[in-house]
Each structure stands twice: as C-alpha cells, then as structure tokens.
Amino acid sequence: MKDLTQKDSSFLDRIGVPSHLAWGYFGVMIFMMGDGLELAWISPYLVDQGLTVQQAAFLTTCYGVTIALSAWLSGVLVEAIGPRKTMLSGLILYLIGHSLFVGLAIPTLNYGLMIPTYAIRGFGYPLFAYAFLVWVTYRTPQHQLGKAVGWFWFVFTGGLSVLGAYYSSFSINFFGHIATLWTAVLWVLLGAFFALVVNKDKFELTKEKSDDSSKFKELLNGITIVKRKPKVGIAGIVRVINQAAQYAFPLFLPIYLADQGVSTTVWLNIWGTIFISNIAFNLIFGYIGDSLGWRNTVKWFGAFGCGIFTLLLFYLPQIFTGNVFVVGAIGLLWGACLAGFVPLSALTPSLVGDGDKGAAMSILNLGAGLCVFVGPALVTLFYDLVDTQGMMWILGGLYFAAAIMAGFLKLPEESHKEKTAEDGAHSVV
C-alpha cells in the first residue's frame, strides 16, 4: 500500500498537483460547487418573486462589496492566523449568511434582510478558497507553482461555474429553488471536510504571530506592501484588468451581436462554451508559464492575446454577419487567453520574500474582487458616450496597458541578472 501511495503521489506531482494538498483541491471544488449553484438564476428568480431588476442588481452589488473585502483579507489572515482558521472563518460566515438569507429573508421577501444576509454570505468563499490559494503558494516548490495555481483555478472555476450550474439545473427540476439553495449547505460542508480534515498538510509560518499586535501589523502589511513593493501593486492592477471585460461584456455585447445576426440565446451558449475553454486553458497556461516564464505568459498570451481578441469580437461579426462559428471561435480564443493570466498567482508572491507572500496575495485577491465592479463601472461611465466600438477599444486598450505593466513584473533573480549584466557591460567599456 505504501508503494502505491508513493506512485499516486508522484503522478499527482508530475501533472502539477502538489500531492500533499490534493484533498484540499478536491475540497475547494466541492465547496465552490455549493457556493455557486445559484449564481446563474438567483437574480431572475427574485425578480419573478416580486423584486425589481434594480433591487436584484443592488443586492448583487452588495454581495460583490463583501467579496472584494474578503478577498483582500484572505491573504493577510493566513499570515496572521493560518490557512485552516481563515478557511474555517469563511465557512462559518457562509453558513450564517446563507441560512438567514434562505431561511428568513427569501420566504418573506424581506429586502431589508436580504441585503445584509447575502452580504455576510459573500465573505465565505474568498476566505475559504483564496486562503487555500495562499496555502498553495507557500507549500509548492517554485518550479511547480505555475501548474499548481493552474490546477487551483481549474477546480475553483469548475466548481463555481460548471458543476454548480449543472447541478442546479438538475436539482431545481426535482426539488425546487428553495430546496436547492438548502442543499448548498451540504456541499460546502462536504468540501470543507475534505479541505480541512482529510487534508493533513502542515502549514507553518516562518515567523511567529501569536500576539495581537503582530496580527494587527500583518493586516497593515496587506496595505503597506504596495508602497514597499510597488511591483505587487502593479500585479494587483493587472489582475483587475484580467477579468474586467468578463463582467462588462454581458451588459452590452449581446445587444450588439443581436444586431449582427447572433441571437441572445445563441450568445448565451457561446458564453458558456467560452468558460469551458477557459477552464481547460487554466491548466495549459499553468504548464506554459512554468516553461516559458510566468511574466511572458501573462504579458503575451494573457494581456496581449485578450486585447487582440477583444477587438476581433467587435470587428469580425461585421464582416461575417450572423456567422455563429466565427463569433464562437473568437470567443473561445478570448476565453483561452483569459486563462493566460493564471501564472500571475505564481508570479506575484514570488516577487517578495516568504514573510510577505500573504500580503502580496491579498493585493492580488483584492484585484480579483474588484473585477466585479470595474467592468460594470466602465460600461456605466462610458457606454452612452462611446457606444459598443468605443467600449471594445477601452477594454482592449486596458489589456494592452496590462501587457506593458506585466513587463515590469520581473522576479528578484531576473532583476539581479540584468543588473549584473549591465555592470559587466559598463566595466568592459
């Protein structure tokens, strides 16, 4: 049995999954399946029950606020209290918010209660999932880190956007909406069991943070690191740009494509397929990043690639009017390039020393949360002024700007080699 275990472990390591954290990956996927099972239908369901579209949108916005805050807290809390306690905090907050939201707020359509309970629920998954991502960055060798974070985003997105949606479509037909929401509790508990109990990996911080003052300093470190390590701030901005278009496109692109002969129903199918492509390339770019370099992968495949295909999503439908295959192909390529940003999760903590990795990941996670706001905000601010063409150029331009910024995200050893080479050249002269 021991030999079999060793072989299994070596196989997992070869494909990029840290074998000592494998159960944690599985647990995150199951947790995210439960957490995300309502995302595709909760707003229209609440509108059908009597809420206005504006009320449903504001509810989702409040949920997004706590996601962004929780995403920032995840990294520094890992530094302060460790990943298990941080993940457990996320689980508890999720259960409290979810139980009140489903048990009290929805049945009575009490909008005043919906907002705070759904917002509390929003603290759950960033503390749980992103804390595990920090755990991965600490406990994975650097040569394997790109693949390891690729697998993280694979299980994260697979649980949130794929398994949750498929399970929901089945469960609603058999059990109904409210019963389906209650089953989320079972799934998140099961995921937490695998990630926190079955996962036996030991996590030890390099410095003690037992007293309250040191924990408070760690929280401040999640802010001050941007001043001390400007590259971390740049990485955070690149992370915001990464998914800004993902949250902007649904607000205006289906309307434009409908005028080009691509119906909204067809676009929704294309949109879903885009993220199947994205999930697959989360793994592929994890491998590519470890081979070609994290910075180069983010710069050329992620930022530059997304910029090109963003513009093509506007211009090609005009040339190939109503051609679903062309729009679908460009969408798939855009979704693939969106995964080109995956190595950023390996690159950012590697820009700093061990003692600052949690703070660096907090900035990156904050960027992941802010995507939810920046995309819709750009549409709100500029769409009436510049229309679809202008919006696509704004989003494409942001991606090209991200490519330039990514060029500055050099690892310490890369900067040292360049400086040594420059000094050598000067000495020869």
Protein backbone atom coordinates (compact mmCIF):
# COMPACT_ATOMS: atom_id res chain seq x y z
CA MET A 1 0.00 0.00 0.00
CA LYS A 2 2.84 2.34 0.81
CA ASP A 3 4.36 1.87 -2.66
CA LEU A 4 1.00 2.53 -4.32
CA THR A 5 0.61 5.75 -2.36
CA GLN A 6 4.04 6.88 -3.38
CA LYS A 7 3.28 6.18 -7.02
CA ASP A 8 -0.01 8.05 -6.81
CA SER A 9 1.71 10.96 -5.14
CA SER A 10 4.44 11.14 -7.75
CA PHE A 11 1.82 11.00 -10.51
CA LEU A 12 -0.05 13.95 -8.96
CA ASP A 13 3.17 15.91 -8.64
CA ARG A 14 4.05 15.16 -12.27
CA ILE A 15 0.76 16.59 -13.52
CA GLY A 16 1.21 19.67 -11.35
CA VAL A 17 -0.98 18.95 -8.31
CA PRO A 18 1.03 19.11 -5.05
CA SER A 19 0.27 15.62 -3.71
CA HIS A 20 0.29 16.77 -0.09
CA LEU A 21 -2.53 19.24 -0.91
CA ALA A 22 -4.60 17.07 -3.26
CA TRP A 23 -7.56 16.67 -0.88
CA GLY A 24 -7.57 20.43 -0.40
CA TYR A 25 -8.01 20.93 -4.14
CA PHE A 26 -10.89 18.47 -4.17
CA GLY A 27 -12.49 20.17 -1.17
CA VAL A 28 -12.28 23.61 -2.80
CA MET A 29 -14.02 22.29 -5.92
CA ILE A 30 -16.90 20.80 -3.90
CA PHE A 31 -17.17 23.91 -1.72
CA MET A 32 -17.32 26.19 -4.77
CA MET A 33 -19.94 23.95 -6.36
CA GLY A 34 -22.20 24.54 -3.36
CA ASP A 35 -21.36 28.23 -3.11
CA GLY A 36 -22.00 28.95 -6.78
CA LEU A 37 -25.04 26.83 -7.52
CA GLU A 38 -27.41 29.84 -7.50
CA LEU A 39 -25.32 32.39 -9.39
CA ALA A 40 -26.90 31.79 -12.79
CA TRP A 41 -30.51 32.06 -11.61
CA ILE A 42 -30.88 33.85 -8.26
CA SER A 43 -31.49 37.34 -9.75
CA PRO A 44 -34.23 36.35 -12.25
CA TYR A 45 -35.79 34.12 -9.59
CA LEU A 46 -36.03 37.02 -7.12
CA VAL A 47 -37.44 39.27 -9.84
CA ASP A 48 -40.10 36.63 -10.54
CA GLN A 49 -40.92 36.67 -6.82
CA GLY A 50 -41.55 40.42 -6.83
CA LEU A 51 -38.22 42.28 -6.66
CA THR A 52 -37.40 44.86 -9.29
CA VAL A 53 -34.41 44.43 -11.58
CA GLN A 54 -32.72 47.36 -9.83
CA GLN A 55 -33.23 45.77 -6.41
CA ALA A 56 -31.76 42.48 -7.61
CA ALA A 57 -28.80 44.32 -9.13
CA PHE A 58 -28.17 46.26 -5.91
CA LEU A 59 -28.35 43.04 -3.91
CA THR A 60 -25.67 41.53 -6.14
CA THR A 61 -23.58 44.68 -5.83
CA CYS A 62 -23.62 44.49 -2.02
CA TYR A 63 -22.60 40.86 -2.31
CA GLY A 64 -19.71 41.95 -4.52
CA VAL A 65 -18.53 44.52 -1.95
CA THR A 66 -18.03 41.86 0.70
CA ILE A 67 -16.38 39.54 -1.83
CA ALA A 68 -13.77 42.23 -2.60
CA LEU A 69 -13.14 42.96 1.08
CA SER A 70 -12.97 39.28 1.96
CA ALA A 71 -10.62 38.61 -0.95
CA TRP A 72 -8.20 41.20 0.42
CA LEU A 73 -8.46 39.84 3.95
CA SER A 74 -7.80 36.26 2.88
CA GLY A 75 -4.06 36.62 2.37
CA VAL A 76 -3.23 38.66 5.46
CA LEU A 77 -5.40 36.46 7.67
CA VAL A 78 -3.44 33.42 6.51
CA GLU A 79 -0.30 35.22 7.64
CA ALA A 80 -1.90 36.14 10.96
CA ILE A 81 -3.86 33.02 11.99
CA GLY A 82 -3.02 30.37 9.40
CA PRO A 83 -5.00 28.96 6.46
CA ARG A 84 -7.16 26.46 8.34
CA LYS A 85 -8.60 29.05 10.71
CA THR A 86 -9.09 31.50 7.84
CA MET A 87 -10.91 28.88 5.76
CA LEU A 88 -12.99 27.86 8.78
CA SER A 89 -13.96 31.51 9.28
CA GLY A 90 -15.14 31.65 5.67
CA LEU A 91 -17.20 28.50 6.16
CA ILE A 92 -18.87 29.84 9.31
CA LEU A 93 -19.69 33.23 7.75
CA TYR A 94 -21.10 31.49 4.69
CA LEU A 95 -23.33 29.22 6.78
CA ILE A 96 -24.62 32.11 8.90
CA GLY A 97 -25.36 34.36 5.92
CA HIS A 98 -26.80 31.58 3.77
CA SER A 99 -29.07 30.20 6.48
CA LEU A 100 -30.52 33.62 7.27
CA PHE A 101 -30.83 34.53 3.58
CA VAL A 102 -32.62 31.31 2.59
CA GLY A 103 -34.44 30.63 5.86
CA LEU A 104 -35.75 34.11 6.73
CA ALA A 105 -35.16 36.71 4.01
CA ILE A 106 -36.34 34.92 0.84
CA PRO A 107 -39.53 33.26 2.20
CA THR A 108 -40.82 36.64 3.42
CA LEU A 109 -39.27 38.65 0.56
CA ASN A 110 -37.79 40.91 3.23
CA TYR A 111 -35.48 43.03 1.10
CA GLY A 112 -34.05 44.83 4.12
CA LEU A 113 -32.92 41.46 5.46
CA MET A 114 -31.78 40.11 2.10
CA ILE A 115 -29.07 42.73 1.71
CA PRO A 116 -27.11 42.13 4.94
CA THR A 117 -27.55 38.34 4.92
CA TYR A 118 -26.46 37.91 1.31
CA ALA A 119 -23.57 40.29 2.00
CA ILE A 120 -22.46 38.19 5.00
CA ARG A 121 -22.63 35.14 2.76
CA GLY A 122 -20.25 36.93 0.37
CA PHE A 123 -17.45 36.76 2.95
CA GLY A 124 -17.49 32.99 2.69
CA TYR A 125 -15.84 31.75 -0.47
CA PRO A 126 -12.92 34.25 -0.73
CA LEU A 127 -11.83 33.44 2.82
CA PHE A 128 -12.16 29.74 2.09
CA ALA A 129 -10.85 29.39 -1.47
CA TYR A 130 -8.33 32.24 -1.68
CA ALA A 131 -6.83 31.28 1.68
CA PHE A 132 -6.21 27.83 0.21
CA LEU A 133 -4.55 29.51 -2.80
CA VAL A 134 -2.16 31.27 -0.40
CA TRP A 135 -1.56 27.88 1.23
CA VAL A 136 -0.64 26.50 -2.20
CA THR A 137 1.83 29.33 -2.89
CA TYR A 138 3.61 28.69 0.41
CA ARG A 139 3.77 24.91 0.17
CA THR A 140 4.64 24.38 -3.50
CA PRO A 141 8.17 24.40 -4.98
CA GLN A 142 8.71 27.32 -7.32
CA HIS A 143 9.34 25.11 -10.37
CA GLN A 144 5.87 23.57 -9.89
CA LEU A 145 3.99 26.68 -8.78
CA GLY A 146 2.60 27.72 -12.18
CA LYS A 147 0.98 24.32 -12.68
CA ALA A 148 -0.23 24.25 -9.08
CA VAL A 149 -2.10 27.56 -9.35
CA GLY A 150 -3.42 26.47 -12.75
CA TRP A 151 -4.99 23.46 -11.05
CA PHE A 152 -6.38 25.74 -8.34
CA TRP A 153 -8.20 27.91 -10.89
CA PHE A 154 -9.34 24.75 -12.66
CA VAL A 155 -11.10 23.39 -9.56
CA PHE A 156 -12.28 26.86 -8.49
CA THR A 157 -13.91 27.72 -11.82
CA GLY A 158 -15.02 24.16 -12.44
CA GLY A 159 -16.89 24.08 -9.15
CA LEU A 160 -18.28 27.62 -9.33
CA SER A 161 -19.23 27.96 -12.99
CA VAL A 162 -19.65 24.41 -14.27
CA LEU A 163 -20.58 21.87 -11.59
CA GLY A 164 -22.73 24.35 -9.67
CA ALA A 165 -24.67 25.32 -12.78
CA TYR A 166 -25.18 21.74 -13.99
CA TYR A 167 -26.21 20.51 -10.56
CA SER A 168 -28.60 23.44 -10.17
CA SER A 169 -30.31 22.75 -13.49
CA PHE A 170 -30.97 19.19 -12.31
CA SER A 171 -31.87 19.98 -8.71
CA ILE A 172 -34.34 22.80 -9.43
CA ASN A 173 -36.45 20.49 -11.60
CA PHE A 174 -36.59 17.82 -8.91
CA PHE A 175 -36.56 19.77 -5.64
CA GLY A 176 -37.40 23.39 -6.47
CA HIS A 177 -35.46 26.61 -5.96
CA ILE A 178 -35.56 26.90 -2.16
CA ALA A 179 -34.70 23.23 -1.54
CA THR A 180 -31.81 23.57 -4.00
CA LEU A 181 -30.49 26.52 -2.03
CA TRP A 182 -30.61 24.46 1.16
CA THR A 183 -28.59 21.65 -0.45
CA ALA A 184 -25.74 24.15 -0.83
CA VAL A 185 -25.13 23.72 2.91
CA LEU A 186 -24.42 20.01 2.41
CA TRP A 187 -21.99 20.66 -0.42
CA VAL A 188 -19.97 23.37 1.36
CA LEU A 189 -19.74 21.23 4.49
CA LEU A 190 -18.56 18.27 2.42
CA GLY A 191 -15.99 20.45 0.67
CA ALA A 192 -14.77 21.85 3.99
CA PHE A 193 -14.45 18.31 5.37
CA PHE A 194 -12.08 17.30 2.58
CA ALA A 195 -10.11 20.56 2.57
CA LEU A 196 -9.72 20.95 6.34
CA VAL A 197 -9.98 17.45 7.83
CA VAL A 198 -8.93 14.93 5.19
CA ASN A 199 -6.20 17.31 4.00
CA LYS A 200 -3.43 16.66 6.54
CA ASP A 201 -0.81 19.05 5.18
CA LYS A 202 1.05 21.03 7.84
CA PHE A 203 1.36 24.77 7.42
CA GLU A 204 3.96 26.60 9.48
CA LEU A 205 4.66 30.30 9.18
CA THR A 206 8.28 31.38 9.07
CA LYS A 207 7.67 33.89 11.85
CA GLU A 208 5.50 33.77 14.91
CA LYS A 209 2.33 35.86 15.01
CA SER A 210 0.87 34.77 18.31
CA ASP A 211 0.21 38.16 19.90
CA ASP A 212 -2.49 40.60 18.86
CA SER A 213 -0.06 43.39 17.93
CA SER A 214 1.78 41.21 15.39
CA LYS A 215 -1.54 40.11 13.87
CA PHE A 216 -2.58 43.76 13.55
CA LYS A 217 0.75 44.53 11.87
CA GLU A 218 0.07 41.72 9.42
CA LEU A 219 -3.25 43.30 8.50
CA LEU A 220 -1.49 46.63 7.91
CA ASN A 221 1.10 44.78 5.86
CA GLY A 222 -1.69 43.93 3.42
CA ILE A 223 -1.86 47.67 2.64
CA THR A 224 1.67 48.95 3.15
CA ILE A 225 3.22 46.28 0.93
CA VAL A 226 2.07 48.28 -2.12
CA LYS A 227 4.36 51.12 -1.04
CA ARG A 228 7.26 48.89 -0.06
CA LYS A 229 6.91 46.60 -3.09
CA PRO A 230 5.43 48.65 -5.97
CA LYS A 231 5.51 45.60 -8.27
CA VAL A 232 2.84 43.99 -6.10
CA GLY A 233 0.59 46.99 -6.72
CA ILE A 234 1.20 46.68 -10.46
CA ALA A 235 0.28 43.00 -10.28
CA GLY A 236 -2.94 43.94 -8.49
CA ILE A 237 -3.88 46.36 -11.28
CA VAL A 238 -3.13 43.73 -13.93
CA ARG A 239 -5.38 41.34 -12.00
CA VAL A 240 -8.25 43.85 -12.09
CA ILE A 241 -7.87 44.27 -15.86
CA ASN A 242 -7.72 40.48 -16.25
CA GLN A 243 -11.47 39.96 -15.74
CA ALA A 244 -12.87 43.46 -16.18
CA ALA A 245 -14.19 42.59 -19.64
CA GLN A 246 -15.74 39.39 -18.29
CA TYR A 247 -18.10 41.49 -16.18
CA ALA A 248 -18.50 44.24 -18.80
CA PHE A 249 -19.31 42.14 -21.88
CA PRO A 250 -22.68 40.75 -20.69
CA LEU A 251 -24.03 44.28 -20.24
CA PHE A 252 -23.69 45.40 -23.87
CA LEU A 253 -22.11 42.77 -26.15
CA PRO A 254 -25.24 40.58 -26.58
CA ILE A 255 -27.17 43.66 -27.76
CA TYR A 256 -24.51 44.45 -30.34
CA LEU A 257 -24.26 40.83 -31.54
CA ALA A 258 -28.05 40.61 -31.89
CA ASP A 259 -27.78 43.46 -34.42
CA GLN A 260 -25.14 41.38 -36.24
CA GLY A 261 -27.40 38.34 -36.53
CA VAL A 262 -26.33 36.43 -33.41
CA SER A 263 -29.35 35.95 -31.14
CA THR A 264 -29.09 36.37 -27.38
CA THR A 265 -29.87 32.68 -26.85
CA VAL A 266 -27.02 31.69 -29.14
CA TRP A 267 -24.72 34.17 -27.40
CA LEU A 268 -25.51 32.62 -24.02
CA ASN A 269 -24.48 29.23 -25.37
CA ILE A 270 -21.28 30.76 -26.75
CA TRP A 271 -20.65 32.48 -23.39
CA GLY A 272 -20.96 29.17 -21.56
CA THR A 273 -18.63 27.47 -24.02
CA ILE A 274 -16.09 30.26 -23.59
CA PHE A 275 -15.63 29.26 -19.98
CA ILE A 276 -15.25 25.59 -20.77
CA SER A 277 -12.32 26.72 -22.91
CA ASN A 278 -11.15 28.95 -20.07
CA ILE A 279 -11.16 26.09 -17.57
CA ALA A 280 -9.12 23.84 -19.86
CA PHE A 281 -6.56 26.57 -20.55
CA ASN A 282 -6.21 27.33 -16.84
CA LEU A 283 -4.21 24.09 -16.76
CA ILE A 284 -2.46 24.57 -20.08
CA PHE A 285 -1.15 28.02 -19.21
CA GLY A 286 -0.03 26.76 -15.83
CA TYR A 287 2.32 24.41 -17.70
CA ILE A 288 3.28 27.03 -20.28
CA GLY A 289 4.03 29.52 -17.53
CA ASP A 290 6.46 27.13 -15.84
CA SER A 291 8.18 26.52 -19.21
CA LEU A 292 8.24 29.93 -20.91
CA GLY A 293 8.18 32.09 -17.80
CA TRP A 294 5.26 33.45 -15.79
CA ARG A 295 5.79 37.05 -16.81
CA ASN A 296 6.00 36.29 -20.52
CA THR A 297 2.88 34.13 -20.36
CA VAL A 298 0.85 36.84 -18.63
CA LYS A 299 2.18 39.54 -20.95
CA TRP A 300 1.80 37.87 -24.35
CA PHE A 301 -0.83 35.16 -24.02
CA GLY A 302 -2.95 36.80 -21.32
CA ALA A 303 -2.88 40.57 -21.76
CA PHE A 304 -1.86 40.97 -25.42
CA GLY A 305 -3.96 37.99 -26.54
CA CYS A 306 -7.09 39.24 -24.76
CA GLY A 307 -6.56 42.70 -26.26
CA ILE A 308 -6.44 41.33 -29.81
CA PHE A 309 -9.45 39.03 -29.46
CA THR A 310 -11.47 41.71 -27.67
CA LEU A 311 -11.18 43.91 -30.75
CA LEU A 312 -11.89 40.99 -33.08
CA LEU A 313 -15.11 40.30 -31.17
CA PHE A 314 -16.28 43.69 -32.41
CA TYR A 315 -14.99 43.76 -35.98
CA LEU A 316 -15.34 40.17 -37.24
CA PRO A 317 -19.12 39.92 -36.62
CA GLN A 318 -19.48 42.86 -39.04
CA ILE A 319 -17.53 41.00 -41.71
CA PHE A 320 -19.11 37.58 -41.11
CA THR A 321 -22.64 38.70 -40.29
CA GLY A 322 -24.63 36.09 -38.39
CA ASN A 323 -21.81 33.53 -38.54
CA VAL A 324 -22.08 31.80 -35.19
CA PHE A 325 -18.96 29.72 -35.77
CA VAL A 326 -16.74 32.76 -36.29
CA VAL A 327 -18.08 34.50 -33.19
CA GLY A 328 -17.81 31.26 -31.22
CA ALA A 329 -14.22 30.66 -32.36
CA ILE A 330 -13.11 34.18 -31.41
CA GLY A 331 -14.93 33.81 -28.09
CA LEU A 332 -13.16 30.53 -27.38
CA LEU A 333 -9.79 32.10 -28.14
CA TRP A 334 -10.62 35.07 -25.91
CA GLY A 335 -11.59 32.69 -23.09
CA ALA A 336 -8.35 30.77 -23.59
CA CYS A 337 -6.28 33.96 -23.40
CA LEU A 338 -8.19 34.99 -20.28
CA ALA A 339 -6.55 31.96 -18.66
CA GLY A 340 -3.16 33.34 -19.72
CA PHE A 341 -3.27 35.45 -16.56
CA VAL A 342 -3.17 32.31 -14.37
CA PRO A 343 0.62 32.48 -13.77
CA LEU A 344 0.04 35.85 -12.08
CA SER A 345 -0.93 33.85 -8.97
CA ALA A 346 2.52 32.25 -9.02
CA LEU A 347 4.41 35.37 -10.08
CA THR A 348 3.05 37.83 -7.51
CA PRO A 349 4.06 36.01 -4.28
CA SER A 350 7.44 35.24 -5.86
CA LEU A 351 8.12 38.98 -6.17
CA VAL A 352 8.51 39.19 -2.38
CA GLY A 353 10.09 37.22 0.45
CA ASP A 354 8.36 34.47 2.40
CA GLY A 355 7.21 36.85 5.12
CA ASP A 356 5.26 38.99 2.65
CA LYS A 357 3.66 36.33 0.44
CA GLY A 358 0.32 36.51 2.23
CA ALA A 359 0.20 40.29 1.92
CA ALA A 360 1.12 40.08 -1.78
CA MET A 361 -1.64 37.55 -2.38
CA SER A 362 -4.09 39.82 -0.54
CA ILE A 363 -3.48 42.55 -3.10
CA LEU A 364 -3.88 40.06 -5.94
CA ASN A 365 -7.08 38.67 -4.40
CA LEU A 366 -8.38 42.21 -3.94
CA GLY A 367 -7.88 42.70 -7.66
CA ALA A 368 -9.92 39.55 -8.28
CA GLY A 369 -12.75 41.00 -6.20
CA LEU A 370 -12.60 44.47 -7.76
CA CYS A 371 -13.12 42.99 -11.25
CA VAL A 372 -16.78 42.65 -10.33
CA PHE A 373 -17.06 46.45 -10.01
CA VAL A 374 -14.66 47.79 -12.58
CA GLY A 375 -16.24 46.07 -15.59
CA PRO A 376 -19.81 47.32 -14.97
CA ALA A 377 -18.49 50.72 -13.84
CA LEU A 378 -16.68 51.22 -17.14
CA VAL A 379 -19.89 50.45 -19.03
CA THR A 380 -21.89 52.81 -16.80
CA LEU A 381 -19.40 55.64 -17.28
CA PHE A 382 -18.58 55.36 -20.98
CA TYR A 383 -21.12 53.33 -22.93
CA ASP A 384 -23.50 56.22 -23.62
CA LEU A 385 -20.56 58.35 -24.76
CA VAL A 386 -18.65 55.92 -26.96
CA ASP A 387 -21.11 53.10 -27.81
CA THR A 388 -20.00 49.50 -28.42
CA GLN A 389 -17.00 50.29 -30.60
CA GLY A 390 -15.59 52.69 -28.03
CA MET A 391 -16.17 50.23 -25.20
CA MET A 392 -14.32 47.46 -27.04
CA TRP A 393 -11.38 49.80 -27.63
CA ILE A 394 -11.37 50.86 -23.97
CA LEU A 395 -11.33 47.24 -22.82
CA GLY A 396 -8.81 46.26 -25.48
CA GLY A 397 -6.65 49.23 -24.54
CA LEU A 398 -6.68 48.18 -20.90
CA TYR A 399 -5.42 44.74 -21.90
CA PHE A 400 -2.60 46.30 -23.94
CA ALA A 401 -1.77 48.51 -20.95
CA ALA A 402 -1.70 45.37 -18.79
CA ALA A 403 0.80 43.84 -21.23
CA ILE A 404 3.08 46.84 -20.73
CA MET A 405 2.68 46.70 -16.94
CA ALA A 406 3.36 42.96 -16.89
CA GLY A 407 6.75 43.69 -18.42
CA PHE A 408 7.79 45.32 -15.13
CA LEU A 409 6.95 42.25 -13.04
CA LYS A 410 10.46 40.84 -13.00
CA LEU A 411 11.42 38.31 -10.37
CA PRO A 412 14.24 39.35 -8.00
CA GLU A 413 16.68 36.92 -9.65
CA GLU A 414 15.80 38.31 -13.10
CA SER A 415 16.43 41.87 -11.94
CA HIS A 416 19.71 40.76 -10.34
CA LYS A 417 20.89 39.07 -13.56
CA GLU A 418 20.06 42.17 -15.61
CA LYS A 419 21.89 44.41 -13.16
CA THR A 420 24.92 42.10 -13.19
CA ALA A 421 24.93 42.09 -16.99
CA GLU A 422 24.71 45.90 -17.08
CA ASP A 423 27.55 46.23 -14.57
CA GLY A 424 29.63 43.84 -16.65
CA ALA A 425 28.98 45.82 -19.80
CA HIS A 426 29.94 49.07 -18.10
CA SER A 427 33.15 47.55 -16.76
CA VAL A 428 34.12 46.37 -20.25
CA VAL A 429 33.53 49.85 -21.62
